[in-house]
């Protein structure tokens, strides 16, 4: 589970409630069933209008994606592709067919399957780019659902407040009830603004962040597999793919590669000296 999402929700909503209590407010004063119905019901209804039934039914899966931690280990994937390139240069591309069953990532497995099947490099690129595009479009639709909800929620909060004030003004002959009624009316605005900025929009940002990471991961695999198919040197493939990593990780890999090269050179000199 992505603990950042849970911690963020707890810290965000918890800060609002604790601050309200420190100001002398009663937690029960923040509870308003009618305001919640207007804001959350109205937000969900307005969002449903803008999307198809299939897209709305996909929301639970999107929530699971937002809550699930799925790290993309770029370093290990680079090493795997380099190892595949070594095997391909040594034993031919057909040798990679034995490795397909051991690959868990569907995109990488598809890419290598195209190579093993002897697909034209240009066609391989087209197929994989189409998959990347389709995945990005699917993610964009899911993200837009939460962004739409984040846009509707504050407006629904204002609508709830206006409705509450209408009720207040209709009972203006009872001055002793005006204060609590006005306070209750503004709870709807609180629900709308807080849900938009602490729930809907952050979830959209989380999904967007994960979609960007997946896109970079898939583009790296695309370039690596095409380089492998072209028969490029494994060392050159590694040097090309580390451009997808953050600078600190690039330096770590380069320093590790240099150290391995230095060790290999030293061993070669020792063997030469012994001979």
C-alpha atoms as a PDB file:
ATOM      1  CA  UNK A   1       0.000   0.000   0.000  1.00  0.00           C
ATOM      2  CA  UNK A   2       1.172   3.527  -0.777  1.00  0.00           C
ATOM      3  CA  UNK A   3       1.529   4.879   2.766  1.00  0.00           C
ATOM      4  CA  UNK A   4       1.904   8.458   1.479  1.00  0.00           C
ATOM      5  CA  UNK A   5      -1.757   8.528   0.440  1.00  0.00           C
ATOM      6  CA  UNK A   6      -2.966   7.359   3.854  1.00  0.00           C
ATOM      7  CA  UNK A   7      -0.620   9.681   5.738  1.00  0.00           C
ATOM      8  CA  UNK A   8      -1.568  12.589   3.511  1.00  0.00           C
ATOM      9  CA  UNK A   9      -5.288  12.107   4.143  1.00  0.00           C
ATOM     10  CA  UNK A  10      -4.753  11.725   7.890  1.00  0.00           C
ATOM     11  CA  UNK A  11      -2.492  14.775   8.136  1.00  0.00           C
ATOM     12  CA  UNK A  12      -4.683  16.899   5.856  1.00  0.00           C
ATOM     13  CA  UNK A  13      -8.080  16.249   7.406  1.00  0.00           C
ATOM     14  CA  UNK A  14      -6.581  15.788  10.878  1.00  0.00           C
ATOM     15  CA  UNK A  15      -4.956  19.232  10.757  1.00  0.00           C
ATOM     16  CA  UNK A  16      -8.285  20.862   9.927  1.00  0.00           C
ATOM     17  CA  UNK A  17     -10.087  19.116  12.763  1.00  0.00           C
ATOM     18  CA  UNK A  18      -7.336  19.704  15.348  1.00  0.00           C
ATOM     19  CA  UNK A  19      -7.071  23.382  14.392  1.00  0.00           C
ATOM     20  CA  UNK A  20     -10.852  23.729  14.737  1.00  0.00           C
ATOM     21  CA  UNK A  21     -10.742  22.151  18.203  1.00  0.00           C
ATOM     22  CA  UNK A  22      -7.833  24.374  19.285  1.00  0.00           C
ATOM     23  CA  UNK A  23      -9.923  27.392  18.343  1.00  0.00           C
ATOM     24  CA  UNK A  24     -12.547  26.190  20.804  1.00  0.00           C
ATOM     25  CA  UNK A  25     -14.864  24.460  18.364  1.00  0.00           C
ATOM     26  CA  UNK A  26     -16.744  21.244  19.010  1.00  0.00           C
ATOM     27  CA  UNK A  27     -15.956  18.345  16.601  1.00  0.00           C
ATOM     28  CA  UNK A  28     -19.661  17.521  16.415  1.00  0.00           C
ATOM     29  CA  UNK A  29     -20.321  20.962  14.922  1.00  0.00           C
ATOM     30  CA  UNK A  30     -18.502  19.840  11.766  1.00  0.00           C
ATOM     31  CA  UNK A  31     -20.951  17.024  11.143  1.00  0.00           C
ATOM     32  CA  UNK A  32     -23.832  17.858   8.836  1.00  0.00           C
ATOM     33  CA  UNK A  33     -25.560  15.030   7.002  1.00  0.00           C
ATOM     34  CA  UNK A  34     -27.512  17.297   4.677  1.00  0.00           C
ATOM     35  CA  UNK A  35     -24.401  19.255   3.702  1.00  0.00           C
ATOM     36  CA  UNK A  36     -22.565  15.995   2.984  1.00  0.00           C
ATOM     37  CA  UNK A  37     -25.457  14.811   0.834  1.00  0.00           C
ATOM     38  CA  UNK A  38     -25.451  18.018  -1.189  1.00  0.00           C
ATOM     39  CA  UNK A  39     -21.683  18.189  -1.654  1.00  0.00           C
ATOM     40  CA  UNK A  40     -20.726  14.548  -2.169  1.00  0.00           C
ATOM     41  CA  UNK A  41     -23.977  13.506  -3.843  1.00  0.00           C
ATOM     42  CA  UNK A  42     -23.933  16.535  -6.117  1.00  0.00           C
ATOM     43  CA  UNK A  43     -20.241  16.068  -6.944  1.00  0.00           C
ATOM     44  CA  UNK A  44     -20.669  12.397  -7.797  1.00  0.00           C
ATOM     45  CA  UNK A  45     -23.790  13.096  -9.853  1.00  0.00           C
ATOM     46  CA  UNK A  46     -22.184  15.924 -11.828  1.00  0.00           C
ATOM     47  CA  UNK A  47     -19.081  13.811 -12.474  1.00  0.00           C
ATOM     48  CA  UNK A  48     -21.152  10.879 -13.700  1.00  0.00           C
ATOM     49  CA  UNK A  49     -22.831  13.081 -16.291  1.00  0.00           C
ATOM     50  CA  UNK A  50     -19.524  13.840 -17.966  1.00  0.00           C
ATOM     51  CA  UNK A  51     -18.310  10.240 -18.326  1.00  0.00           C
ATOM     52  CA  UNK A  52     -19.579   6.933 -19.594  1.00  0.00           C
ATOM     53  CA  UNK A  53     -20.919   4.218 -17.324  1.00  0.00           C
ATOM     54  CA  UNK A  54     -17.906   2.032 -18.048  1.00  0.00           C
ATOM     55  CA  UNK A  55     -15.505   4.809 -17.067  1.00  0.00           C
ATOM     56  CA  UNK A  56     -17.357   5.525 -13.824  1.00  0.00           C
ATOM     57  CA  UNK A  57     -17.464   1.815 -12.949  1.00  0.00           C
ATOM     58  CA  UNK A  58     -13.683   1.854 -13.272  1.00  0.00           C
ATOM     59  CA  UNK A  59     -13.307   4.290 -10.329  1.00  0.00           C
ATOM     60  CA  UNK A  60     -12.816   1.564  -7.660  1.00  0.00           C
ATOM     61  CA  UNK A  61      -9.915   0.158  -9.681  1.00  0.00           C
ATOM     62  CA  UNK A  62      -8.421   3.647  -9.977  1.00  0.00           C
ATOM     63  CA  UNK A  63      -8.630   4.041  -6.208  1.00  0.00           C
ATOM     64  CA  UNK A  64      -6.777   0.745  -5.797  1.00  0.00           C
ATOM     65  CA  UNK A  65      -4.081   1.989  -8.166  1.00  0.00           C
ATOM     66  CA  UNK A  66      -3.736   5.210  -6.181  1.00  0.00           C
ATOM     67  CA  UNK A  67      -3.476   3.291  -2.907  1.00  0.00           C
ATOM     68  CA  UNK A  68      -1.227   0.519  -4.208  1.00  0.00           C
ATOM     69  CA  UNK A  69       2.534   0.929  -4.184  1.00  0.00           C
ATOM     70  CA  UNK A  70       3.994  -0.188  -7.498  1.00  0.00           C
ATOM     71  CA  UNK A  71       7.659   0.758  -7.729  1.00  0.00           C
ATOM     72  CA  UNK A  72       9.244   0.747 -11.167  1.00  0.00           C
ATOM     73  CA  UNK A  73      12.774  -0.550 -10.613  1.00  0.00           C
ATOM     74  CA  UNK A  74      14.512   1.140 -13.522  1.00  0.00           C
ATOM     75  CA  UNK A  75      17.979   0.066 -12.356  1.00  0.00           C
ATOM     76  CA  UNK A  76      17.089  -3.628 -12.314  1.00  0.00           C
ATOM     77  CA  UNK A  77      15.237  -3.360 -15.622  1.00  0.00           C
ATOM     78  CA  UNK A  78      18.320  -1.809 -17.236  1.00  0.00           C
ATOM     79  CA  UNK A  79      20.459  -4.672 -15.955  1.00  0.00           C
ATOM     80  CA  UNK A  80      17.920  -7.206 -17.222  1.00  0.00           C
ATOM     81  CA  UNK A  81      17.889  -5.671 -20.700  1.00  0.00           C
ATOM     82  CA  UNK A  82      21.692  -5.570 -20.760  1.00  0.00           C
ATOM     83  CA  UNK A  83      21.788  -9.253 -19.762  1.00  0.00           C
ATOM     84  CA  UNK A  84      19.296 -10.052 -22.521  1.00  0.00           C
ATOM     85  CA  UNK A  85      21.540  -8.191 -24.973  1.00  0.00           C
ATOM     86  CA  UNK A  86      24.530 -10.279 -23.861  1.00  0.00           C
ATOM     87  CA  UNK A  87      22.549 -13.481 -24.388  1.00  0.00           C
ATOM     88  CA  UNK A  88      21.334 -12.302 -27.789  1.00  0.00           C
ATOM     89  CA  UNK A  89      24.858 -11.455 -28.987  1.00  0.00           C
ATOM     90  CA  UNK A  90      26.217 -14.733 -27.680  1.00  0.00           C
ATOM     91  CA  UNK A  91      23.474 -17.192 -28.652  1.00  0.00           C
ATOM     92  CA  UNK A  92      21.125 -15.263 -30.947  1.00  0.00           C
ATOM     93  CA  UNK A  93      17.768 -13.575 -30.447  1.00  0.00           C
ATOM     94  CA  UNK A  94      15.916 -16.901 -30.408  1.00  0.00           C
ATOM     95  CA  UNK A  95      17.653 -17.692 -27.103  1.00  0.00           C
ATOM     96  CA  UNK A  96      15.530 -14.983 -25.451  1.00  0.00           C
ATOM     97  CA  UNK A  97      12.414 -17.099 -25.919  1.00  0.00           C
ATOM     98  CA  UNK A  98      13.471 -19.185 -22.925  1.00  0.00           C
ATOM     99  CA  UNK A  99      13.507 -16.040 -20.782  1.00  0.00           C
ATOM    100  CA  UNK A 100       9.952 -14.946 -21.576  1.00  0.00           C
ATOM    101  CA  UNK A 101       8.282 -17.145 -18.958  1.00  0.00           C
ATOM    102  CA  UNK A 102      10.438 -15.573 -16.236  1.00  0.00           C
ATOM    103  CA  UNK A 103       9.377 -11.994 -17.068  1.00  0.00           C
ATOM    104  CA  UNK A 104       6.532 -10.664 -14.926  1.00  0.00           C
ATOM    105  CA  UNK A 105       6.148  -7.287 -16.616  1.00  0.00           C
ATOM    106  CA  UNK A 106       3.663  -7.592 -19.488  1.00  0.00           C
ATOM    107  CA  UNK A 107       5.121  -4.713 -21.521  1.00  0.00           C
ATOM    108  CA  UNK A 108       8.693  -6.028 -21.387  1.00  0.00           C
ATOM    109  CA  UNK A 109       7.490  -9.535 -22.197  1.00  0.00           C
ATOM    110  CA  UNK A 110       5.542  -8.249 -25.218  1.00  0.00           C
ATOM    111  CA  UNK A 111       8.541  -6.253 -26.428  1.00  0.00           C
ATOM    112  CA  UNK A 112      10.888  -9.239 -26.240  1.00  0.00           C
ATOM    113  CA  UNK A 113       8.278 -11.502 -27.842  1.00  0.00           C
ATOM    114  CA  UNK A 114       8.176  -9.180 -30.853  1.00  0.00           C
ATOM    115  CA  UNK A 115      11.956  -9.372 -31.104  1.00  0.00           C
ATOM    116  CA  UNK A 116      12.004 -13.164 -30.781  1.00  0.00           C
ATOM    117  CA  UNK A 117       9.327 -13.452 -33.479  1.00  0.00           C
ATOM    118  CA  UNK A 118      11.562 -11.531 -35.879  1.00  0.00           C
ATOM    119  CA  UNK A 119       9.277  -8.525 -36.190  1.00  0.00           C
ATOM    120  CA  UNK A 120      10.651  -5.659 -38.270  1.00  0.00           C
ATOM    121  CA  UNK A 121      12.276  -3.034 -35.981  1.00  0.00           C
ATOM    122  CA  UNK A 122      10.066  -0.263 -37.311  1.00  0.00           C
ATOM    123  CA  UNK A 123       6.973  -2.378 -36.760  1.00  0.00           C
ATOM    124  CA  UNK A 124       8.195  -3.241 -33.264  1.00  0.00           C
ATOM    125  CA  UNK A 125       8.513   0.445 -32.469  1.00  0.00           C
ATOM    126  CA  UNK A 126       5.046   1.166 -33.852  1.00  0.00           C
ATOM    127  CA  UNK A 127       3.412  -1.609 -31.824  1.00  0.00           C
ATOM    128  CA  UNK A 128       5.095  -0.604 -28.571  1.00  0.00           C
ATOM    129  CA  UNK A 129       4.485   3.104 -29.080  1.00  0.00           C
ATOM    130  CA  UNK A 130       0.821   2.347 -29.731  1.00  0.00           C
ATOM    131  CA  UNK A 131       0.664   0.448 -26.451  1.00  0.00           C
ATOM    132  CA  UNK A 132       2.304   3.345 -24.611  1.00  0.00           C
ATOM    133  CA  UNK A 133      -0.146   5.789 -26.188  1.00  0.00           C
ATOM    134  CA  UNK A 134      -3.176   3.630 -25.359  1.00  0.00           C
ATOM    135  CA  UNK A 135      -2.021   3.209 -21.765  1.00  0.00           C
ATOM    136  CA  UNK A 136      -1.500   6.958 -21.433  1.00  0.00           C
ATOM    137  CA  UNK A 137      -4.971   7.712 -22.803  1.00  0.00           C
ATOM    138  CA  UNK A 138      -6.542   5.227 -20.407  1.00  0.00           C
ATOM    139  CA  UNK A 139      -4.723   6.806 -17.477  1.00  0.00           C
ATOM    140  CA  UNK A 140      -5.675  10.306 -18.647  1.00  0.00           C
ATOM    141  CA  UNK A 141      -9.367   9.377 -18.578  1.00  0.00           C
ATOM    142  CA  UNK A 142      -9.098   8.116 -15.009  1.00  0.00           C
ATOM    143  CA  UNK A 143      -7.213  11.213 -13.925  1.00  0.00           C
ATOM    144  CA  UNK A 144      -9.791  13.495 -15.526  1.00  0.00           C
ATOM    145  CA  UNK A 145     -12.572  11.862 -13.473  1.00  0.00           C
ATOM    146  CA  UNK A 146     -10.974  12.951 -10.208  1.00  0.00           C
ATOM    147  CA  UNK A 147     -10.011  16.343 -11.617  1.00  0.00           C
ATOM    148  CA  UNK A 148     -13.634  16.878 -12.638  1.00  0.00           C
ATOM    149  CA  UNK A 149     -14.811  15.928  -9.143  1.00  0.00           C
ATOM    150  CA  UNK A 150     -12.284  18.386  -7.708  1.00  0.00           C
ATOM    151  CA  UNK A 151     -13.739  21.118  -9.874  1.00  0.00           C
ATOM    152  CA  UNK A 152     -17.378  20.408  -9.022  1.00  0.00           C
ATOM    153  CA  UNK A 153     -16.981  19.949  -5.254  1.00  0.00           C
ATOM    154  CA  UNK A 154     -16.363  23.625  -4.281  1.00  0.00           C
ATOM    155  CA  UNK A 155     -19.307  24.733  -6.416  1.00  0.00           C
ATOM    156  CA  UNK A 156     -21.531  22.154  -4.776  1.00  0.00           C
ATOM    157  CA  UNK A 157     -20.359  23.493  -1.443  1.00  0.00           C
ATOM    158  CA  UNK A 158     -21.454  26.998  -2.414  1.00  0.00           C
ATOM    159  CA  UNK A 159     -24.801  25.657  -3.619  1.00  0.00           C
ATOM    160  CA  UNK A 160     -25.260  23.933  -0.256  1.00  0.00           C
ATOM    161  CA  UNK A 161     -24.416  27.152   1.579  1.00  0.00           C
ATOM    162  CA  UNK A 162     -26.877  29.164  -0.498  1.00  0.00           C
ATOM    163  CA  UNK A 163     -29.590  26.592   0.163  1.00  0.00           C
ATOM    164  CA  UNK A 164     -28.800  26.767   3.861  1.00  0.00           C
ATOM    165  CA  UNK A 165     -28.971  30.555   3.867  1.00  0.00           C
ATOM    166  CA  UNK A 166     -32.336  30.425   2.101  1.00  0.00           C
ATOM    167  CA  UNK A 167     -33.556  28.258   4.935  1.00  0.00           C
ATOM    168  CA  UNK A 168     -32.055  30.683   7.481  1.00  0.00           C
ATOM    169  CA  UNK A 169     -33.759  33.694   5.940  1.00  0.00           C
ATOM    170  CA  UNK A 170     -37.079  31.900   5.840  1.00  0.00           C
ATOM    171  CA  UNK A 171     -36.848  31.600   9.638  1.00  0.00           C
ATOM    172  CA  UNK A 172     -35.473  35.082  10.328  1.00  0.00           C
ATOM    173  CA  UNK A 173     -38.295  35.675  12.790  1.00  0.00           C
ATOM    174  CA  UNK A 174     -36.385  33.437  15.249  1.00  0.00           C
ATOM    175  CA  UNK A 175     -33.175  35.396  15.995  1.00  0.00           C
ATOM    176  CA  UNK A 176     -31.963  32.836  18.539  1.00  0.00           C
ATOM    177  CA  UNK A 177     -31.688  30.214  15.785  1.00  0.00           C
ATOM    178  CA  UNK A 178     -29.880  32.381  13.244  1.00  0.00           C
ATOM    179  CA  UNK A 179     -26.329  31.800  14.522  1.00  0.00           C
ATOM    180  CA  UNK A 180     -26.386  27.980  14.535  1.00  0.00           C
ATOM    181  CA  UNK A 181     -28.300  27.879  11.248  1.00  0.00           C
ATOM    182  CA  UNK A 182     -25.801  30.154   9.478  1.00  0.00           C
ATOM    183  CA  UNK A 183     -22.893  28.124  10.858  1.00  0.00           C
ATOM    184  CA  UNK A 184     -24.499  24.916   9.602  1.00  0.00           C
ATOM    185  CA  UNK A 185     -25.037  26.502   6.179  1.00  0.00           C
ATOM    186  CA  UNK A 186     -21.325  27.235   5.788  1.00  0.00           C
ATOM    187  CA  UNK A 187     -20.397  23.625   6.609  1.00  0.00           C
ATOM    188  CA  UNK A 188     -21.328  22.794   3.002  1.00  0.00           C
ATOM    189  CA  UNK A 189     -18.677  25.209   1.698  1.00  0.00           C
ATOM    190  CA  UNK A 190     -16.163  23.636   4.071  1.00  0.00           C
ATOM    191  CA  UNK A 191     -17.012  20.159   2.783  1.00  0.00           C
ATOM    192  CA  UNK A 192     -16.769  21.252  -0.827  1.00  0.00           C
ATOM    193  CA  UNK A 193     -13.458  23.092  -0.622  1.00  0.00           C
ATOM    194  CA  UNK A 194     -11.774  20.585   1.691  1.00  0.00           C
ATOM    195  CA  UNK A 195     -12.869  17.512  -0.290  1.00  0.00           C
ATOM    196  CA  UNK A 196     -11.651  19.090  -3.526  1.00  0.00           C
ATOM    197  CA  UNK A 197      -8.232  20.065  -2.183  1.00  0.00           C
ATOM    198  CA  UNK A 198      -7.606  17.176   0.203  1.00  0.00           C
ATOM    199  CA  UNK A 199      -9.246  14.281  -1.641  1.00  0.00           C
ATOM    200  CA  UNK A 200     -10.222  14.594  -5.307  1.00  0.00           C
ATOM    201  CA  UNK A 201      -7.384  16.730  -6.675  1.00  0.00           C
ATOM    202  CA  UNK A 202      -4.649  14.979  -4.643  1.00  0.00           C
ATOM    203  CA  UNK A 203      -5.879  11.612  -5.912  1.00  0.00           C
ATOM    204  CA  UNK A 204      -5.738  12.952  -9.468  1.00  0.00           C
ATOM    205  CA  UNK A 205      -2.182  14.183  -8.844  1.00  0.00           C
ATOM    206  CA  UNK A 206      -1.188  10.774  -7.460  1.00  0.00           C
ATOM    207  CA  UNK A 207      -2.582   8.969 -10.496  1.00  0.00           C
ATOM    208  CA  UNK A 208      -0.867  11.444 -12.813  1.00  0.00           C
ATOM    209  CA  UNK A 209       2.455  10.909 -11.035  1.00  0.00           C
ATOM    210  CA  UNK A 210       2.151   7.131 -11.332  1.00  0.00           C
ATOM    211  CA  UNK A 211       1.131   7.392 -14.983  1.00  0.00           C
ATOM    212  CA  UNK A 212       4.219   9.504 -15.749  1.00  0.00           C
ATOM    213  CA  UNK A 213       6.480   6.981 -14.015  1.00  0.00           C
ATOM    214  CA  UNK A 214       4.950   4.130 -16.001  1.00  0.00           C
ATOM    215  CA  UNK A 215       5.360   6.067 -19.251  1.00  0.00           C
ATOM    216  CA  UNK A 216       9.068   6.685 -18.567  1.00  0.00           C
ATOM    217  CA  UNK A 217       9.498   3.024 -17.632  1.00  0.00           C
ATOM    218  CA  UNK A 218       7.862   1.839 -20.852  1.00  0.00           C
ATOM    219  CA  UNK A 219       9.795   4.298 -23.026  1.00  0.00           C
ATOM    220  CA  UNK A 220      13.028   3.058 -21.469  1.00  0.00           C
ATOM    221  CA  UNK A 221      12.076  -0.535 -22.281  1.00  0.00           C
ATOM    222  CA  UNK A 222      11.183   0.498 -25.833  1.00  0.00           C
ATOM    223  CA  UNK A 223      14.585   2.064 -26.467  1.00  0.00           C
ATOM    224  CA  UNK A 224      16.417  -0.785 -24.766  1.00  0.00           C
ATOM    225  CA  UNK A 225      14.677  -3.542 -26.691  1.00  0.00           C
ATOM    226  CA  UNK A 226      15.129  -1.768 -30.013  1.00  0.00           C
ATOM    227  CA  UNK A 227      18.836  -1.355 -29.260  1.00  0.00           C
ATOM    228  CA  UNK A 228      19.003  -5.038 -28.356  1.00  0.00           C
ATOM    229  CA  UNK A 229      17.259  -5.956 -31.596  1.00  0.00           C
ATOM    230  CA  UNK A 230      19.731  -3.842 -33.547  1.00  0.00           C
ATOM    231  CA  UNK A 231      22.597  -5.845 -32.002  1.00  0.00           C
ATOM    232  CA  UNK A 232      24.212  -2.930 -30.197  1.00  0.00           C
ATOM    233  CA  UNK A 233      26.934  -3.445 -27.651  1.00  0.00           C
ATOM    234  CA  UNK A 234      25.492  -4.162 -24.164  1.00  0.00           C
ATOM    235  CA  UNK A 235      27.706  -1.498 -22.622  1.00  0.00           C
ATOM    236  CA  UNK A 236      26.371   1.058 -25.088  1.00  0.00           C
ATOM    237  CA  UNK A 237      22.818  -0.030 -24.283  1.00  0.00           C
ATOM    238  CA  UNK A 238      23.434   0.536 -20.576  1.00  0.00           C
ATOM    239  CA  UNK A 239      24.918   3.971 -21.259  1.00  0.00           C
ATOM    240  CA  UNK A 240      21.872   4.882 -23.336  1.00  0.00           C
ATOM    241  CA  UNK A 241      19.287   3.686 -20.830  1.00  0.00           C
ATOM    242  CA  UNK A 242      20.762   5.316 -17.720  1.00  0.00           C
ATOM    243  CA  UNK A 243      19.690   8.657 -19.225  1.00  0.00           C
ATOM    244  CA  UNK A 244      16.203   7.744 -17.948  1.00  0.00           C
ATOM    245  CA  UNK A 245      17.468   7.728 -14.343  1.00  0.00           C
ATOM    246  CA  UNK A 246      17.888  10.567 -11.884  1.00  0.00           C
ATOM    247  CA  UNK A 247      21.413  12.098 -11.870  1.00  0.00           C
ATOM    248  CA  UNK A 248      22.398  10.549  -8.513  1.00  0.00           C
ATOM    249  CA  UNK A 249      21.383   7.070  -9.710  1.00  0.00           C
ATOM    250  CA  UNK A 250      23.254   7.616 -12.974  1.00  0.00           C
ATOM    251  CA  UNK A 251      26.431   8.412 -11.027  1.00  0.00           C
ATOM    252  CA  UNK A 252      25.967   5.330  -8.843  1.00  0.00           C
ATOM    253  CA  UNK A 253      25.645   3.038 -11.862  1.00  0.00           C
ATOM    254  CA  UNK A 254      28.555   4.649 -13.687  1.00  0.00           C
ATOM    255  CA  UNK A 255      30.809   4.427 -10.650  1.00  0.00           C
ATOM    256  CA  UNK A 256      29.777   0.790 -10.127  1.00  0.00           C
ATOM    257  CA  UNK A 257      30.463  -0.023 -13.769  1.00  0.00           C
ATOM    258  CA  UNK A 258      33.817   1.720 -13.613  1.00  0.00           C
ATOM    259  CA  UNK A 259      34.736  -0.231 -10.482  1.00  0.00           C
ATOM    260  CA  UNK A 260      33.831  -3.513 -12.155  1.00  0.00           C
ATOM    261  CA  UNK A 261      35.886  -2.536 -15.164  1.00  0.00           C
ATOM    262  CA  UNK A 262      38.822  -1.645 -12.957  1.00  0.00           C
ATOM    263  CA  UNK A 263      38.618  -4.962 -11.130  1.00  0.00           C
ATOM    264  CA  UNK A 264      38.480  -6.832 -14.417  1.00  0.00           C
ATOM    265  CA  UNK A 265      41.518  -4.913 -15.672  1.00  0.00           C
ATOM    266  CA  UNK A 266      43.465  -5.645 -12.503  1.00  0.00           C
ATOM    267  CA  UNK A 267      42.647  -9.350 -12.734  1.00  0.00           C
ATOM    268  CA  UNK A 268      43.815  -9.380 -16.348  1.00  0.00           C
ATOM    269  CA  UNK A 269      47.146  -7.767 -15.378  1.00  0.00           C
ATOM    270  CA  UNK A 270      47.608 -10.266 -12.566  1.00  0.00           C
ATOM    271  CA  UNK A 271      47.041 -13.161 -14.957  1.00  0.00           C
ATOM    272  CA  UNK A 272      49.487 -11.627 -17.413  1.00  0.00           C
ATOM    273  CA  UNK A 273      52.108 -11.184 -14.720  1.00  0.00           C
ATOM    274  CA  UNK A 274      51.714 -14.757 -13.519  1.00  0.00           C
ATOM    275  CA  UNK A 275      52.171 -16.069 -17.035  1.00  0.00           C
END
